[in-house]
Amino acid sequence: MIRIPGSPLDQDSVRAVLDEVFRGEQYQWDVRPSLWAWILDMWWDMMEWFVRLETTHPGAYYALVAALVVLLIAILTHLVYLTVLAFRRRSEDGTEPAARARHVRDAAWYLREAKRLEEAGQYSDSLACRFAALVSWLDRKHLIRAHPSKTPAEYVNEARLGPGGKEVFVGTVRWLYDHLFGGRRLDPRALAEFDRRAREVMAHGPG
């Protein structure tokens, strides 16, 4: 039987031969997944999605960008607060044990320290001591559980205050963040305003 090149019979024969060859072990390629390649793929997919979103829905795109900027600022603010808190704890831990024992770190002690710092012109530290005094008072009233590692926002979540007290405490903590990290002006008048807010928070606690 004569086979004409290019006929269906020849093509089937060639295909069968190629299939048999490529079934050999030397052609069984094992492509191992790469974590770095997967991360790069995800990154470029996200970039393409942002470009499409900006083109098709510019309003949603700018709203998303604004939300991400706000989130980044909040993360950085929280990081700065934790860093300041860590350095302050380290400096306190470096004092002599006998000196630490002479001081009872209650609300009255923090208020005295806040007054001293205010007179020295150290308004940021004075404001931090005023908030520590409020936290100490709330802890003594069993409205929160004070701990050096906690942030003001964590105290807000756990505070057990009377009706409307939670909202007042939220506003006080937001005011604190604005003045400690948000660049708001700090002076004796601002410290007096915090004292007023702290008294308002305490008014929602038990008598």
Protein backbone atom coordinates (compact mmCIF):
# COMPACT_ATOMS: atom_id res chain seq x y z
CA MET A 1 0.00 0.00 0.00
CA ILE A 2 1.50 3.29 -1.08
CA ARG A 3 1.04 6.19 1.38
CA ILE A 4 0.85 9.60 -0.14
CA PRO A 5 2.62 12.27 1.98
CA GLY A 6 0.14 14.66 3.56
CA SER A 7 -2.67 12.11 3.51
CA PRO A 8 -4.80 11.65 6.68
CA LEU A 9 -3.16 8.27 7.21
CA ASP A 10 0.30 9.82 7.28
CA GLN A 11 -0.80 12.56 9.66
CA ASP A 12 -2.30 10.03 12.07
CA SER A 13 0.87 7.97 11.97
CA VAL A 14 3.06 10.99 12.66
CA ARG A 15 0.81 12.07 15.51
CA ALA A 16 0.95 8.59 17.04
CA VAL A 17 4.73 8.55 16.83
CA LEU A 18 5.04 12.02 18.41
CA ASP A 19 2.66 11.05 21.23
CA GLU A 20 4.77 7.95 21.89
CA VAL A 21 7.99 9.97 21.95
CA PHE A 22 6.76 12.71 24.24
CA ARG A 23 5.47 10.15 26.73
CA GLY A 24 9.10 9.40 27.56
CA GLU A 25 10.48 10.31 31.01
CA GLN A 26 12.90 12.85 29.58
CA TYR A 27 9.91 14.96 28.46
CA GLN A 28 8.01 14.81 31.75
CA TRP A 29 8.79 18.33 33.01
CA ASP A 30 7.95 19.14 36.59
CA VAL A 31 7.46 22.89 37.04
CA ARG A 32 7.70 23.68 40.74
CA PRO A 33 5.58 26.59 41.94
CA SER A 34 7.56 29.60 43.19
CA LEU A 35 6.28 31.72 46.07
CA TRP A 36 8.11 34.78 44.75
CA ALA A 37 6.58 34.30 41.28
CA TRP A 38 3.14 33.95 42.84
CA ILE A 39 3.63 37.17 44.82
CA LEU A 40 4.75 39.02 41.68
CA ASP A 41 1.74 37.70 39.76
CA MET A 42 -0.60 38.86 42.51
CA TRP A 43 1.13 42.28 42.59
CA TRP A 44 0.79 42.85 38.84
CA ASP A 45 -2.81 41.60 38.86
CA MET A 46 -3.59 44.12 41.61
CA MET A 47 -1.88 46.93 39.68
CA GLU A 48 -3.89 46.08 36.56
CA TRP A 49 -7.07 46.03 38.65
CA PHE A 50 -6.26 49.52 40.00
CA VAL A 51 -5.67 50.81 36.47
CA ARG A 52 -8.99 49.37 35.26
CA LEU A 53 -10.79 50.78 38.29
CA GLU A 54 -9.35 54.26 37.68
CA THR A 55 -10.49 54.11 34.05
CA THR A 56 -13.95 52.64 34.54
CA HIS A 57 -14.92 53.99 37.98
CA PRO A 58 -12.76 57.01 38.87
CA GLY A 59 -14.97 57.97 41.83
CA ALA A 60 -14.59 54.56 43.47
CA TYR A 61 -10.86 54.61 42.68
CA TYR A 62 -10.22 57.91 44.47
CA ALA A 63 -12.42 56.86 47.40
CA LEU A 64 -10.38 53.67 47.76
CA VAL A 65 -7.09 55.58 47.59
CA ALA A 66 -8.32 58.00 50.28
CA ALA A 67 -9.36 55.10 52.51
CA LEU A 68 -5.94 53.45 52.09
CA VAL A 69 -4.19 56.72 52.97
CA VAL A 70 -6.30 57.09 56.13
CA LEU A 71 -5.52 53.47 57.07
CA LEU A 72 -1.80 54.06 56.56
CA ILE A 73 -1.88 57.19 58.76
CA ALA A 74 -3.71 55.26 61.49
CA ILE A 75 -1.15 52.45 61.38
CA LEU A 76 1.77 54.89 61.54
CA THR A 77 0.12 56.81 64.42
CA HIS A 78 -0.36 53.60 66.35
CA LEU A 79 3.25 52.59 65.66
CA VAL A 80 4.55 55.94 66.93
CA TYR A 81 2.45 55.61 70.08
CA LEU A 82 3.77 52.10 70.78
CA THR A 83 7.35 53.24 70.16
CA VAL A 84 7.02 56.15 72.59
CA LEU A 85 5.40 53.84 75.13
CA ALA A 86 8.20 51.27 74.77
CA PHE A 87 10.95 53.88 75.27
CA ARG A 88 9.13 55.33 78.26
CA ARG A 89 8.81 51.87 79.87
CA ARG A 90 12.50 51.20 79.23
CA SER A 91 13.50 54.45 80.91
CA GLU A 92 11.26 53.64 83.88
CA ASP A 93 12.72 50.13 84.14
CA GLY A 94 16.20 51.65 84.22
CA THR A 95 15.54 53.50 87.50
CA GLU A 96 16.67 52.14 90.83
CA PRO A 97 14.22 49.66 92.46
CA ALA A 98 14.28 51.62 95.71
CA ALA A 99 13.37 54.82 93.88
CA ARG A 100 10.47 53.07 92.13
CA ALA A 101 9.25 51.68 95.43
CA ARG A 102 9.00 55.18 96.91
CA HIS A 103 6.42 56.17 94.30
CA VAL A 104 2.91 54.82 94.17
CA ARG A 105 1.79 55.26 90.60
CA ASP A 106 -1.84 56.11 91.32
CA ALA A 107 -4.01 58.86 89.83
CA ALA A 108 -2.77 61.42 92.36
CA TRP A 109 0.87 60.69 91.51
CA TYR A 110 0.22 61.07 87.77
CA LEU A 111 -1.60 64.36 88.32
CA ARG A 112 1.30 65.74 90.38
CA GLU A 113 3.72 64.65 87.67
CA ALA A 114 1.48 66.19 85.01
CA LYS A 115 1.52 69.51 86.87
CA ARG A 116 5.32 69.41 87.19
CA LEU A 117 5.74 68.68 83.48
CA GLU A 118 3.31 71.44 82.54
CA GLU A 119 5.29 73.96 84.60
CA ALA A 120 8.44 72.76 82.80
CA GLY A 121 6.78 73.37 79.44
CA GLN A 122 6.67 69.68 78.54
CA TYR A 123 3.06 69.72 77.44
CA SER A 124 3.02 66.41 75.53
CA ASP A 125 4.36 64.48 78.52
CA SER A 126 1.99 66.34 80.79
CA LEU A 127 -0.96 65.33 78.62
CA ALA A 128 0.22 61.69 78.65
CA CYS A 129 0.37 61.78 82.46
CA ARG A 130 -3.10 63.27 82.62
CA PHE A 131 -4.44 60.39 80.54
CA ALA A 132 -2.54 57.91 82.75
CA ALA A 133 -4.25 59.48 85.77
CA LEU A 134 -7.65 58.97 84.12
CA VAL A 135 -6.77 55.36 83.31
CA SER A 136 -5.65 54.79 86.91
CA TRP A 137 -8.93 56.19 88.22
CA LEU A 138 -10.98 54.01 85.83
CA ASP A 139 -8.96 50.96 86.85
CA ARG A 140 -9.54 51.66 90.56
CA LYS A 141 -13.28 51.87 89.84
CA HIS A 142 -13.06 48.50 87.99
CA LEU A 143 -14.25 50.11 84.74
CA ILE A 144 -11.14 48.98 82.84
CA ARG A 145 -8.06 46.86 83.53
CA ALA A 146 -4.96 49.04 83.21
CA HIS A 147 -1.84 47.56 81.63
CA PRO A 148 1.28 49.31 80.24
CA SER A 149 1.00 47.48 76.90
CA LYS A 150 -2.54 48.67 76.19
CA THR A 151 -3.29 51.61 73.92
CA PRO A 152 -5.96 54.27 74.53
CA ALA A 153 -8.08 52.70 71.77
CA GLU A 154 -8.02 49.36 73.61
CA TYR A 155 -9.24 51.06 76.77
CA VAL A 156 -12.15 52.50 74.79
CA ASN A 157 -13.23 49.02 73.69
CA GLU A 158 -13.30 47.60 77.22
CA ALA A 159 -14.54 50.62 79.22
CA ARG A 160 -17.70 49.89 81.22
CA LEU A 161 -19.20 53.35 81.65
CA GLY A 162 -22.73 54.54 82.26
CA PRO A 163 -25.19 55.69 79.58
CA GLY A 164 -23.44 58.03 77.19
CA GLY A 165 -20.12 57.51 78.94
CA LYS A 166 -18.64 55.41 76.15
CA GLU A 167 -19.26 58.17 73.61
CA VAL A 168 -17.63 60.74 75.91
CA PHE A 169 -14.61 58.48 76.40
CA VAL A 170 -14.33 57.91 72.63
CA GLY A 171 -14.29 61.67 72.05
CA THR A 172 -11.68 62.14 74.76
CA VAL A 173 -9.36 59.51 73.28
CA ARG A 174 -9.80 60.96 69.78
CA TRP A 175 -8.94 64.40 71.20
CA LEU A 176 -5.86 62.85 72.87
CA TYR A 177 -4.63 61.29 69.59
CA ASP A 178 -5.19 64.54 67.69
CA HIS A 179 -3.05 66.51 70.12
CA LEU A 180 -0.31 63.93 70.76
CA PHE A 181 0.15 62.72 67.17
CA GLY A 182 -1.97 64.89 64.91
CA GLY A 183 -0.06 68.12 65.28
CA ARG A 184 -2.80 70.00 67.14
CA ARG A 185 -1.60 72.86 69.32
CA LEU A 186 -0.73 71.92 72.89
CA ASP A 187 -0.60 74.61 75.56
CA PRO A 188 -1.98 75.14 79.09
CA ARG A 189 -5.41 75.91 77.65
CA ALA A 190 -5.45 72.58 75.80
CA LEU A 191 -4.38 70.76 78.98
CA ALA A 192 -7.23 72.42 80.85
CA GLU A 193 -9.61 71.24 78.12
CA PHE A 194 -8.42 67.66 78.62
CA ASP A 195 -8.99 68.00 82.37
CA ARG A 196 -12.57 69.05 81.64
CA ARG A 197 -13.08 66.06 79.34
CA ALA A 198 -11.55 63.70 81.92
CA ARG A 199 -13.98 64.99 84.59
CA GLU A 200 -16.83 64.39 82.17
CA VAL A 201 -15.71 60.80 81.67
CA MET A 202 -15.44 60.27 85.43
CA ALA A 203 -18.95 61.65 85.89
CA HIS A 204 -20.27 58.60 83.99
CA GLY A 205 -18.56 56.21 86.40
CA PRO A 206 -19.86 55.00 89.76
CA GLY A 207 -20.07 57.51 92.56
